[in-house]
C-alpha atoms as a PDB file:
ATOM      1  CA  MET A   1      -8.796  34.724  21.433  1.00  0.00           C
ATOM      2  CA  GLN A   2     -10.779  35.584  18.294  1.00  0.00           C
ATOM      3  CA  ARG A   3      -9.039  38.955  18.010  1.00  0.00           C
ATOM      4  CA  LEU A   4      -5.656  37.223  18.148  1.00  0.00           C
ATOM      5  CA  VAL A   5      -6.658  34.837  15.360  1.00  0.00           C
ATOM      6  CA  ALA A   6      -8.068  37.720  13.266  1.00  0.00           C
ATOM      7  CA  ALA A   7      -4.883  39.755  13.771  1.00  0.00           C
ATOM      8  CA  ALA A   8      -2.757  36.792  12.755  1.00  0.00           C
ATOM      9  CA  ALA A   9      -4.918  36.269   9.665  1.00  0.00           C
ATOM     10  CA  CYS A  10      -4.287  39.862   8.583  1.00  0.00           C
ATOM     11  CA  ARG A  11      -0.577  39.677   9.328  1.00  0.00           C
ATOM     12  CA  LEU A  12      -0.085  36.320   7.624  1.00  0.00           C
ATOM     13  CA  ARG A  13      -2.518  37.072   4.775  1.00  0.00           C
ATOM     14  CA  THR A  14      -4.250  33.782   5.498  1.00  0.00           C
ATOM     15  CA  PRO A  15      -8.022  33.316   5.348  1.00  0.00           C
ATOM     16  CA  LEU A  16      -9.520  33.705   8.794  1.00  0.00           C
ATOM     17  CA  SER A  17     -11.517  30.484   8.522  1.00  0.00           C
ATOM     18  CA  ILE A  18      -8.345  28.484   7.932  1.00  0.00           C
ATOM     19  CA  LEU A  19      -6.602  29.936  10.981  1.00  0.00           C
ATOM     20  CA  GLU A  20      -9.688  29.466  13.137  1.00  0.00           C
ATOM     21  CA  SER A  21      -9.412  25.733  12.531  1.00  0.00           C
ATOM     22  CA  SER A  22      -5.950  25.767  14.111  1.00  0.00           C
ATOM     23  CA  VAL A  23      -7.195  27.167  17.427  1.00  0.00           C
ATOM     24  CA  THR A  24      -6.766  24.554  20.126  1.00  0.00           C
ATOM     25  CA  ALA A  25      -8.286  24.282  23.606  1.00  0.00           C
ATOM     26  CA  GLY A  26      -5.014  25.201  25.288  1.00  0.00           C
ATOM     27  CA  GLY A  27      -4.196  28.207  23.126  1.00  0.00           C
ATOM     28  CA  VAL A  28      -3.429  29.174  19.587  1.00  0.00           C
ATOM     29  CA  ARG A  29      -1.076  27.255  17.321  1.00  0.00           C
ATOM     30  CA  LEU A  30      -0.642  29.643  14.407  1.00  0.00           C
ATOM     31  CA  LEU A  31       2.791  29.398  12.925  1.00  0.00           C
ATOM     32  CA  HIS A  32       5.728  27.038  12.870  1.00  0.00           C
ATOM     33  CA  THR A  33       9.074  28.733  12.396  1.00  0.00           C
ATOM     34  CA  SER A  34      12.684  27.696  12.054  1.00  0.00           C
ATOM     35  CA  ARG A  35      15.135  27.686  14.899  1.00  0.00           C
ATOM     36  CA  PRO A  36      15.818  31.224  16.124  1.00  0.00           C
ATOM     37  CA  SER A  37      19.540  30.719  15.514  1.00  0.00           C
ATOM     38  CA  ALA A  38      18.998  30.090  11.787  1.00  0.00           C
ATOM     39  CA  ASP A  39      21.270  32.157   9.579  1.00  0.00           C
ATOM     40  CA  LEU A  40      22.637  32.225   6.051  1.00  0.00           C
ATOM     41  CA  ARG A  41      24.625  29.034   6.616  1.00  0.00           C
ATOM     42  CA  GLU A  42      21.373  27.147   6.105  1.00  0.00           C
ATOM     43  CA  PHE A  43      21.534  28.038   2.405  1.00  0.00           C
ATOM     44  CA  PHE A  44      24.714  26.020   1.821  1.00  0.00           C
ATOM     45  CA  ASP A  45      25.056  22.264   1.496  1.00  0.00           C
ATOM     46  CA  TRP A  46      28.103  21.867   3.712  1.00  0.00           C
ATOM     47  CA  ALA A  47      28.107  18.061   3.521  1.00  0.00           C
ATOM     48  CA  SER A  48      28.548  18.039  -0.257  1.00  0.00           C
ATOM     49  CA  ARG A  49      31.244  20.716  -0.085  1.00  0.00           C
ATOM     50  CA  GLU A  50      33.194  18.499   2.302  1.00  0.00           C
ATOM     51  CA  GLY A  51      32.897  15.565  -0.108  1.00  0.00           C
ATOM     52  CA  ASN A  52      30.157  13.680   1.735  1.00  0.00           C
ATOM     53  CA  SER A  53      27.361  12.667  -0.583  1.00  0.00           C
ATOM     54  CA  GLU A  54      24.055  12.271   1.187  1.00  0.00           C
ATOM     55  CA  SER A  55      21.164  10.307  -0.225  1.00  0.00           C
ATOM     56  CA  TYR A  56      17.859  12.064  -0.596  1.00  0.00           C
ATOM     57  CA  GLY A  57      14.301  10.959  -1.113  1.00  0.00           C
ATOM     58  CA  ARG A  58      11.924  11.458  -3.964  1.00  0.00           C
ATOM     59  CA  GLY A  59       9.463  14.277  -4.504  1.00  0.00           C
ATOM     60  CA  TRP A  60       5.951  14.119  -3.077  1.00  0.00           C
ATOM     61  CA  GLN A  61       3.246  12.721  -5.343  1.00  0.00           C
ATOM     62  CA  VAL A  62      -0.161  14.379  -5.768  1.00  0.00           C
ATOM     63  CA  GLU A  63      -1.973  11.373  -4.273  1.00  0.00           C
ATOM     64  CA  GLU A  64       0.102  11.617  -1.077  1.00  0.00           C
ATOM     65  CA  LEU A  65      -0.411  15.356  -0.783  1.00  0.00           C
ATOM     66  CA  ARG A  66      -4.183  15.048  -1.099  1.00  0.00           C
ATOM     67  CA  LEU A  67      -4.145  13.260   2.281  1.00  0.00           C
ATOM     68  CA  LYS A  68      -2.396  16.181   4.037  1.00  0.00           C
ATOM     69  CA  SER A  69      -4.096  19.017   5.910  1.00  0.00           C
ATOM     70  CA  TRP A  70      -3.926  22.665   4.852  1.00  0.00           C
ATOM     71  CA  GLN A  71      -1.407  23.391   7.618  1.00  0.00           C
ATOM     72  CA  ASP A  72       0.782  20.421   6.695  1.00  0.00           C
ATOM     73  CA  LEU A  73       0.808  21.514   3.063  1.00  0.00           C
ATOM     74  CA  HIS A  74       1.849  25.025   4.131  1.00  0.00           C
ATOM     75  CA  LYS A  75       4.696  23.650   6.241  1.00  0.00           C
ATOM     76  CA  LEU A  76       5.821  21.378   3.429  1.00  0.00           C
ATOM     77  CA  TRP A  77       5.658  24.328   0.999  1.00  0.00           C
ATOM     78  CA  TYR A  78       8.037  26.416   3.111  1.00  0.00           C
ATOM     79  CA  VAL A  79      10.394  23.513   3.775  1.00  0.00           C
ATOM     80  CA  SER A  80      10.484  22.870   0.018  1.00  0.00           C
ATOM     81  CA  LEU A  81      11.151  26.559  -0.706  1.00  0.00           C
ATOM     82  CA  LYS A  82      14.027  26.517   1.756  1.00  0.00           C
ATOM     83  CA  GLU A  83      15.447  23.383   0.124  1.00  0.00           C
ATOM     84  CA  ARG A  84      15.003  24.918  -3.337  1.00  0.00           C
ATOM     85  CA  ASN A  85      16.924  28.020  -2.271  1.00  0.00           C
ATOM     86  CA  LEU A  86      19.730  25.874  -0.826  1.00  0.00           C
ATOM     87  CA  LEU A  87      19.953  23.938  -4.094  1.00  0.00           C
ATOM     88  CA  LEU A  88      19.921  27.112  -6.206  1.00  0.00           C
ATOM     89  CA  THR A  89      22.781  28.464  -4.078  1.00  0.00           C
ATOM     90  CA  GLU A  90      24.819  25.304  -4.601  1.00  0.00           C
ATOM     91  CA  MET A  91      24.054  25.149  -8.328  1.00  0.00           C
ATOM     92  CA  SER A  92      25.057  28.775  -8.715  1.00  0.00           C
ATOM     93  CA  TRP A  93      28.288  28.159  -6.803  1.00  0.00           C
ATOM     94  CA  LYS A  94      29.109  25.221  -9.102  1.00  0.00           C
ATOM     95  CA  ARG A  95      27.797  27.095 -12.178  1.00  0.00           C
ATOM     96  CA  VAL A  96      25.244  24.401 -12.982  1.00  0.00           C
ATOM     97  CA  PRO A  97      22.239  25.737 -14.938  1.00  0.00           C
ATOM     98  CA  LYS A  98      18.855  25.064 -13.373  1.00  0.00           C
ATOM     99  CA  ASP A  99      16.994  24.146 -16.569  1.00  0.00           C
ATOM    100  CA  ALA A 100      17.427  23.567 -20.307  1.00  0.00           C
ATOM    101  CA  ASP A 101      16.871  27.235 -21.194  1.00  0.00           C
ATOM    102  CA  HIS A 102      19.645  28.397 -18.877  1.00  0.00           C
ATOM    103  CA  GLN A 103      21.806  25.547 -20.114  1.00  0.00           C
ATOM    104  CA  LEU A 104      21.434  26.634 -23.753  1.00  0.00           C
ATOM    105  CA  ALA A 105      22.007  30.280 -22.803  1.00  0.00           C
ATOM    106  CA  ARG A 106      25.373  29.295 -21.305  1.00  0.00           C
ATOM    107  CA  GLY A 107      26.314  27.327 -24.403  1.00  0.00           C
ATOM    108  CA  ILE A 108      26.204  23.938 -22.710  1.00  0.00           C
ATOM    109  CA  PRO A 109      24.630  21.265 -24.913  1.00  0.00           C
ATOM    110  CA  VAL A 110      21.437  19.689 -23.592  1.00  0.00           C
ATOM    111  CA  GLY A 111      22.200  16.217 -22.292  1.00  0.00           C
ATOM    112  CA  ALA A 112      25.720  17.021 -21.080  1.00  0.00           C
ATOM    113  CA  ALA A 113      26.521  14.492 -18.345  1.00  0.00           C
ATOM    114  CA  SER A 114      28.194  17.088 -16.119  1.00  0.00           C
ATOM    115  CA  VAL A 115      24.894  18.955 -15.878  1.00  0.00           C
ATOM    116  CA  GLU A 116      22.281  16.215 -16.203  1.00  0.00           C
ATOM    117  CA  GLU A 117      23.845  14.010 -13.515  1.00  0.00           C
ATOM    118  CA  ASP A 118      24.594  16.756 -11.001  1.00  0.00           C
ATOM    119  CA  PRO A 119      23.071  15.694  -7.653  1.00  0.00           C
ATOM    120  CA  HIS A 120      21.952  19.222  -6.787  1.00  0.00           C
ATOM    121  CA  ARG A 121      20.177  19.621 -10.112  1.00  0.00           C
ATOM    122  CA  LEU A 122      18.425  16.264  -9.687  1.00  0.00           C
ATOM    123  CA  ARG A 123      17.287  17.270  -6.193  1.00  0.00           C
ATOM    124  CA  TYR A 124      16.203  20.672  -7.542  1.00  0.00           C
ATOM    125  CA  GLN A 125      13.975  19.002 -10.135  1.00  0.00           C
ATOM    126  CA  ALA A 126      12.392  16.813  -7.435  1.00  0.00           C
ATOM    127  CA  VAL A 127      11.725  19.840  -5.209  1.00  0.00           C
ATOM    128  CA  GLN A 128      10.232  21.789  -8.126  1.00  0.00           C
ATOM    129  CA  GLY A 129       7.925  18.838  -8.797  1.00  0.00           C
ATOM    130  CA  THR A 130       6.838  18.817  -5.149  1.00  0.00           C
ATOM    131  CA  LEU A 131       6.075  22.545  -5.260  1.00  0.00           C
ATOM    132  CA  ARG A 132       3.991  22.083  -8.435  1.00  0.00           C
ATOM    133  CA  HIS A 133       2.100  19.197  -6.839  1.00  0.00           C
ATOM    134  CA  ILE A 134       1.359  21.141  -3.636  1.00  0.00           C
ATOM    135  CA  ARG A 135       0.004  24.022  -5.692  1.00  0.00           C
ATOM    136  CA  GLN A 136      -2.140  21.611  -7.737  1.00  0.00           C
ATOM    137  CA  VAL A 137      -3.651  20.057  -4.591  1.00  0.00           C
ATOM    138  CA  LEU A 138      -4.408  23.465  -3.077  1.00  0.00           C
ATOM    139  CA  GLU A 139      -6.034  24.628  -6.315  1.00  0.00           C
ATOM    140  CA  GLU A 140      -8.148  21.452  -6.388  1.00  0.00           C
ATOM    141  CA  ARG A 141      -9.311  22.133  -2.849  1.00  0.00           C
ATOM    142  CA  ALA A 142     -10.160  25.721  -3.692  1.00  0.00           C
ATOM    143  CA  ALA A 143     -12.119  24.638  -6.773  1.00  0.00           C
ATOM    144  CA  ALA A 144     -14.067  22.113  -4.681  1.00  0.00           C
ATOM    145  CA  GLU A 145     -15.008  24.744  -2.080  1.00  0.00           C
ATOM    146  CA  LEU A 146     -18.724  25.549  -2.329  1.00  0.00           C
ATOM    147  CA  VAL A 147     -18.716  28.874  -0.465  1.00  0.00           C
ATOM    148  CA  PRO A 148     -17.615  31.575  -2.969  1.00  0.00           C
ATOM    149  CA  LYS A 149     -16.114  33.882  -0.335  1.00  0.00           C
ATOM    150  CA  LEU A 150     -13.999  31.086   1.137  1.00  0.00           C
ATOM    151  CA  ARG A 151     -12.976  29.979  -2.372  1.00  0.00           C
ATOM    152  CA  ARG A 152     -11.760  33.528  -3.152  1.00  0.00           C
ATOM    153  CA  GLU A 153      -9.835  33.639   0.141  1.00  0.00           C
ATOM    154  CA  MET A 154      -8.186  30.298  -0.582  1.00  0.00           C
ATOM    155  CA  LEU A 155      -7.209  31.363  -4.103  1.00  0.00           C
ATOM    156  CA  ALA A 156      -5.816  34.629  -2.748  1.00  0.00           C
ATOM    157  CA  VAL A 157      -3.528  32.649  -0.420  1.00  0.00           C
ATOM    158  CA  ILE A 158      -2.533  30.210  -3.153  1.00  0.00           C
ATOM    159  CA  ASN A 159      -1.769  32.950  -5.693  1.00  0.00           C
ATOM    160  CA  ALA A 160      -0.058  35.343  -3.263  1.00  0.00           C
ATOM    161  CA  ARG A 161       3.264  36.644  -4.482  1.00  0.00           C
END
């Protein structure tokens, strides 16, 4: 069992101590993945292309994320990345710039209603805020860690590119 956890830690580039905490009595619960049938269609917002506007929630606040476990934060990080990629695909398809710098580079004045009120851009900003907040919480946890080796491992995971 320990060899399996150590091998997964190397493969996933996750600190061994973090993965060891996910070992359960009945086996190992290491990784949550998407459906096996997932394909590129997941990167398109088909509902909005068909004219259906769906409501969406707000971004996660730092106080809420501080209550989550390391594994939950990792899951939320990857779900947020997937959502961000979907939104970037839709914004690119509609030629909506993702931020003020890109907006100015395209010659669109800052504050233009067509850009500022775009639902995909608003969702993108909320997702970006969630990603920043998750990173902040993980960095706070790493800074609070008293064991230097574990702190370095946590920072390596947080700063992985």
